[in-house]
Amino acid sequence: MKNLKEQNSSLSSSSPSLVAKLLNAQYHHFLNLLSCSLILCCGIILGILLHSSLQDLSSTSSLSIQRISQLFLVSSPPPPPLSPPPPPPSPP
């Protein structure tokens, strides 16, 4: 009879430490998940900002390239006239 009571008392005394260990482990898992989520959100926000700034940069550079090409096309001399093709050989 004493053995059963001793086992129950030892089990109940080890229970709080076991619960504390489990909660501590769960708490660490939660913190890891929270930090990973925070890093992921920061990466997504940074990617969106970088993407939009690169789009703005590429649109302004393409406009300046178009302006430069239009200036070049306007200021370039006209192409030389094409010479007429040679006459076909006469049949024998």
Protein backbone atom coordinates (compact mmCIF):
# COMPACT_ATOMS: atom_id res chain seq x y z
CA MET A 1 0.00 0.00 0.00
CA LYS A 2 2.84 2.36 0.82
CA ASN A 3 4.41 1.72 -2.55
CA LEU A 4 1.30 2.93 -4.35
CA LYS A 5 1.12 6.08 -2.23
CA GLU A 6 4.83 6.73 -2.69
CA GLN A 7 4.51 6.31 -6.47
CA ASN A 8 1.53 8.65 -6.59
CA SER A 9 3.30 11.26 -4.47
CA SER A 10 6.48 11.03 -6.53
CA LEU A 11 4.45 11.25 -9.75
CA SER A 12 2.55 14.28 -8.53
CA SER A 13 5.76 15.98 -7.42
CA SER A 14 7.43 15.37 -10.79
CA SER A 15 4.33 16.49 -12.68
CA PRO A 16 4.87 20.24 -12.27
CA SER A 17 8.45 20.00 -13.48
CA LEU A 18 7.33 17.88 -16.43
CA VAL A 19 4.61 20.39 -17.30
CA ALA A 20 7.10 23.22 -16.95
CA LYS A 21 9.53 21.47 -19.29
CA LEU A 22 6.79 20.86 -21.85
CA LEU A 23 5.56 24.44 -21.64
CA ASN A 24 9.12 25.71 -21.90
CA ALA A 25 9.67 23.64 -25.04
CA GLN A 26 6.37 24.84 -26.52
CA TYR A 27 7.29 28.41 -25.67
CA HIS A 28 10.61 28.08 -27.50
CA HIS A 29 8.85 26.57 -30.52
CA PHE A 30 6.40 29.47 -30.48
CA LEU A 31 9.24 32.01 -30.33
CA ASN A 32 11.00 30.29 -33.23
CA LEU A 33 7.80 30.33 -35.27
CA LEU A 34 7.21 33.98 -34.42
CA SER A 35 10.73 35.01 -35.41
CA CYS A 36 10.55 33.05 -38.66
CA SER A 37 7.21 34.66 -39.47
CA LEU A 38 8.64 38.09 -38.75
CA ILE A 39 11.64 37.45 -41.00
CA LEU A 40 9.34 36.17 -43.76
CA CYS A 41 7.09 39.24 -43.54
CA CYS A 42 10.10 41.56 -43.65
CA GLY A 43 11.41 39.71 -46.69
CA ILE A 44 8.08 39.98 -48.48
CA ILE A 45 7.84 43.71 -47.75
CA LEU A 46 11.42 44.25 -48.88
CA GLY A 47 10.78 42.27 -52.06
CA ILE A 48 7.68 44.31 -52.89
CA LEU A 49 9.54 47.58 -52.34
CA LEU A 50 12.51 46.43 -54.40
CA HIS A 51 10.27 45.18 -57.20
CA SER A 52 8.33 48.45 -57.42
CA SER A 53 11.48 50.57 -57.35
CA LEU A 54 13.07 48.46 -60.07
CA GLN A 55 9.93 48.79 -62.19
CA ASP A 56 10.02 52.58 -61.80
CA LEU A 57 13.70 52.61 -62.66
CA SER A 58 13.23 50.45 -65.75
CA SER A 59 10.27 52.52 -66.99
CA THR A 60 12.25 55.78 -66.69
CA SER A 61 15.30 54.25 -68.34
CA SER A 62 13.20 52.86 -71.20
CA LEU A 63 11.67 56.32 -71.70
CA SER A 64 15.12 57.91 -71.84
CA ILE A 65 16.29 55.22 -74.27
CA GLN A 66 13.27 55.94 -76.47
CA ARG A 67 14.01 59.67 -76.38
CA ILE A 68 17.64 59.10 -77.29
CA SER A 69 16.70 56.76 -80.12
CA GLN A 70 14.14 59.27 -81.42
CA LEU A 71 16.80 61.98 -81.37
CA PHE A 72 19.17 59.71 -83.21
CA LEU A 73 16.57 58.78 -85.80
CA VAL A 74 15.55 62.40 -86.34
CA SER A 75 19.12 63.66 -86.67
CA SER A 76 20.45 60.78 -88.78
CA PRO A 77 20.75 61.37 -92.54
CA PRO A 78 18.30 59.58 -94.81
CA PRO A 79 19.48 56.26 -96.20
CA PRO A 80 21.04 56.32 -99.69
CA PRO A 81 18.67 55.52 -102.55
CA LEU A 82 18.62 51.94 -103.67
CA SER A 83 20.29 51.31 -107.00
CA PRO A 84 18.08 49.60 -109.57
CA PRO A 85 18.56 45.86 -109.82
CA PRO A 86 20.74 44.62 -112.70
CA PRO A 87 18.82 43.61 -115.83
CA PRO A 88 18.17 39.91 -116.23
CA PRO A 89 20.46 38.06 -118.64
CA SER A 90 19.11 37.76 -122.14
CA PRO A 91 18.19 34.26 -123.30
CA PRO A 92 20.46 32.72 -126.01
